Protein backbone atom coordinates (compact mmCIF):
# COMPACT_ATOMS: atom_id res chain seq x y z
CA MET A 1 -7.21 -69.52 -33.52
CA ALA A 2 -5.60 -72.88 -32.67
CA ARG A 3 -3.79 -73.05 -29.41
CA ARG A 4 0.04 -73.83 -29.42
CA TYR A 5 2.13 -75.54 -27.12
CA SER A 6 5.61 -76.72 -26.65
CA ALA A 7 8.17 -79.45 -24.80
CA ILE A 8 12.10 -80.02 -24.81
CA GLY A 9 13.56 -83.06 -23.95
CA ALA A 10 17.18 -84.01 -23.18
CA ASP A 11 18.78 -87.31 -22.78
CA THR A 12 22.22 -88.70 -23.91
CA VAL A 13 21.19 -90.99 -27.13
CA ALA A 14 22.33 -93.49 -28.87
CA ASP A 15 21.47 -95.61 -32.41
CA GLU A 16 17.85 -96.18 -32.58
CA THR A 17 17.16 -94.26 -29.39
CA SER A 18 14.27 -91.80 -28.95
CA LEU A 19 14.81 -87.95 -27.66
CA LEU A 20 11.29 -86.63 -27.63
CA GLY A 21 7.87 -88.02 -28.63
CA VAL A 22 4.64 -86.25 -28.33
CA THR A 23 1.66 -88.49 -27.76
CA THR A 24 -2.10 -87.36 -28.78
CA ALA A 25 -5.29 -88.12 -27.32
CA THR A 26 -8.68 -89.24 -28.87
CA THR A 27 -9.98 -85.50 -28.85
CA VAL A 28 -7.53 -83.63 -30.74
CA ARG A 29 -5.61 -83.94 -34.17
CA PRO A 30 -2.12 -81.69 -33.03
CA ARG A 31 -0.12 -80.20 -36.06
CA ILE A 32 3.53 -80.50 -35.41
CA TYR A 33 5.19 -76.80 -37.20
CA GLU A 34 8.54 -76.48 -35.43
CA LEU A 35 11.72 -78.32 -34.59
CA ILE A 36 14.79 -77.06 -32.57
CA PHE A 37 17.56 -79.42 -32.43
CA GLY A 38 21.04 -79.41 -30.85
CA SER A 39 23.62 -80.49 -28.69
CA PRO A 40 24.77 -78.59 -25.14
CA ALA A 41 27.87 -81.19 -24.77
CA THR A 42 31.57 -79.83 -25.67
CA PRO A 43 31.59 -79.88 -29.22
CA ALA A 44 32.64 -83.22 -30.99
CA ASP A 45 33.21 -84.08 -34.73
CA GLN A 46 30.31 -86.80 -35.08
CA ALA A 47 27.46 -86.84 -37.48
CA MET A 48 24.08 -88.05 -36.87
CA GLU A 49 21.00 -89.22 -38.86
CA PHE A 50 17.25 -88.31 -37.06
CA TYR A 51 13.83 -89.15 -37.94
CA LEU A 52 10.46 -87.69 -36.76
CA GLN A 53 8.75 -90.57 -37.02
CA ARG A 54 4.90 -91.80 -36.56
CA PHE A 55 4.21 -94.56 -33.79
CA THR A 56 1.16 -96.61 -32.30
CA ALA A 57 2.72 -97.14 -28.81
CA ALA A 58 4.53 -94.65 -26.77
CA GLY A 59 6.49 -96.61 -24.94
CA THR A 60 7.86 -95.79 -21.31
CA ALA A 61 9.63 -92.39 -21.10
CA THR A 62 10.00 -89.40 -18.06
CA ALA A 63 6.71 -87.17 -18.90
CA VAL A 64 7.53 -83.59 -20.07
CA THR A 65 5.03 -80.88 -19.33
CA PRO A 66 3.59 -79.11 -22.52
CA HIS A 67 3.87 -75.11 -22.05
CA GLY A 68 1.34 -73.50 -24.07
CA LEU A 69 2.43 -70.54 -25.64
CA ASP A 70 -0.09 -68.50 -24.69
CA PRO A 71 -0.63 -68.40 -20.84
CA ALA A 72 -4.37 -67.79 -21.06
CA ASP A 73 -4.71 -71.50 -22.74
CA PRO A 74 -5.83 -74.80 -20.72
CA ALA A 75 -3.20 -77.61 -20.04
CA SER A 76 -2.43 -79.23 -23.78
CA LEU A 77 -4.25 -82.47 -24.69
CA CYS A 78 -1.43 -83.91 -25.81
CA THR A 79 1.29 -85.61 -23.37
CA ALA A 80 5.24 -85.65 -24.38
CA GLY A 81 8.03 -87.61 -22.79
CA GLN A 82 11.87 -88.12 -22.88
CA ALA A 83 14.54 -90.39 -21.90
CA HIS A 84 12.70 -93.43 -22.90
CA THR A 85 13.38 -96.96 -21.14
CA VAL A 86 10.91 -98.59 -23.85
CA GLU A 87 11.09 -97.57 -26.97
CA PRO A 88 7.80 -96.27 -29.28
CA THR A 89 6.44 -98.47 -31.64
CA TYR A 90 7.60 -96.76 -34.57
CA THR A 91 5.41 -97.06 -37.68
CA ALA A 92 7.38 -98.27 -40.83
CA GLY A 93 7.41 -96.10 -43.93
CA GLN A 94 5.76 -93.20 -41.53
CA VAL A 95 9.09 -90.75 -41.49
CA LEU A 96 7.73 -87.31 -41.21
CA LEU A 97 10.58 -85.89 -41.27
CA ASP A 98 14.55 -86.72 -41.89
CA PHE A 99 17.75 -85.05 -41.23
CA ALA A 100 21.51 -85.77 -40.77
CA ILE A 101 23.64 -83.21 -38.76
CA ASN A 102 26.63 -82.51 -37.20
CA GLN A 103 26.98 -82.22 -33.41
CA GLN A 104 28.20 -78.82 -33.38
CA ALA A 105 25.34 -77.79 -35.52
CA THR A 106 21.99 -76.50 -34.27
CA PHE A 107 18.85 -77.69 -36.51
CA ASN A 108 15.61 -76.17 -36.74
CA TRP A 109 12.92 -76.81 -39.23
CA LYS A 110 9.74 -74.35 -39.55
CA VAL A 111 6.75 -74.17 -41.59
CA LEU A 112 3.50 -72.57 -41.18
CA ALA A 113 1.30 -74.13 -38.37
CA GLU A 114 -1.71 -74.66 -41.43
CA TYR A 115 1.11 -76.80 -42.67
CA GLY A 116 2.06 -78.80 -39.90
CA LEU A 117 2.76 -82.69 -39.70
CA VAL A 118 -0.37 -83.64 -38.58
CA LEU A 119 -0.79 -86.44 -35.78
CA PRO A 120 -3.84 -88.46 -35.77
CA SER A 121 -6.56 -88.62 -32.94
CA THR A 122 -5.91 -91.93 -31.85
CA ALA A 123 -4.87 -92.77 -28.13
CA ALA A 124 -1.55 -93.52 -27.57
CA ASN A 125 -0.04 -92.34 -31.30
CA GLY A 126 2.17 -89.74 -32.08
CA ALA A 127 5.40 -89.14 -33.32
CA GLY A 128 8.62 -89.39 -31.84
CA LEU A 129 12.42 -88.01 -32.46
CA VAL A 130 14.08 -91.10 -33.11
CA CYS A 131 18.29 -91.20 -33.80
CA LYS A 132 18.72 -93.64 -36.40
CA GLU A 133 22.62 -93.40 -36.62
CA ILE A 134 25.37 -92.16 -34.61
CA SER A 135 28.99 -91.88 -35.70
CA GLY A 136 30.63 -91.86 -32.10
CA GLY A 137 28.54 -94.10 -30.09
CA SER A 138 26.54 -91.49 -28.12
CA ALA A 139 25.99 -87.82 -27.76
CA ALA A 140 24.49 -85.38 -25.00
CA LEU A 141 21.26 -83.65 -27.09
CA ARG A 142 18.27 -81.60 -26.82
CA ALA A 143 15.39 -80.92 -28.71
CA GLN A 144 11.86 -78.49 -28.68
CA LEU A 145 9.28 -79.81 -30.72
CA PHE A 146 5.98 -77.14 -31.37
CA TRP A 147 2.61 -77.99 -32.03
CA GLU A 148 -0.86 -76.92 -32.02
CA GLU A 149 -4.32 -78.18 -30.89
């Protein structure tokens, strides 16, 4: 059975900014199988569109420690980051998931792990949750990604 991990990211995001990214290693091909997304801020009526998109360079972010869902598993081979100061280099046309949501709602996407979104076993590659458009300028948001290695 594969090992399973999760990472949580939080940030105030605007158009074309990343909330959370997972970066692979050359020794593993992770599969993202769940995403939970919402806002901890005072409810506001604004719309936003997000992509979970592949990248070929991770950018610069504050590190987030992935946690194993089984405490007996070793540390994740993937890394995670939030609050990017340099955006990842996103791959055009490689949107894995596209969703629009109101800030007052919570979004949950989940599939069986064997049907998860596969990331390459290439250093510095991965996937990021990026805000493509937000109607109110910016919003405080949180997301949690789950993957198996």
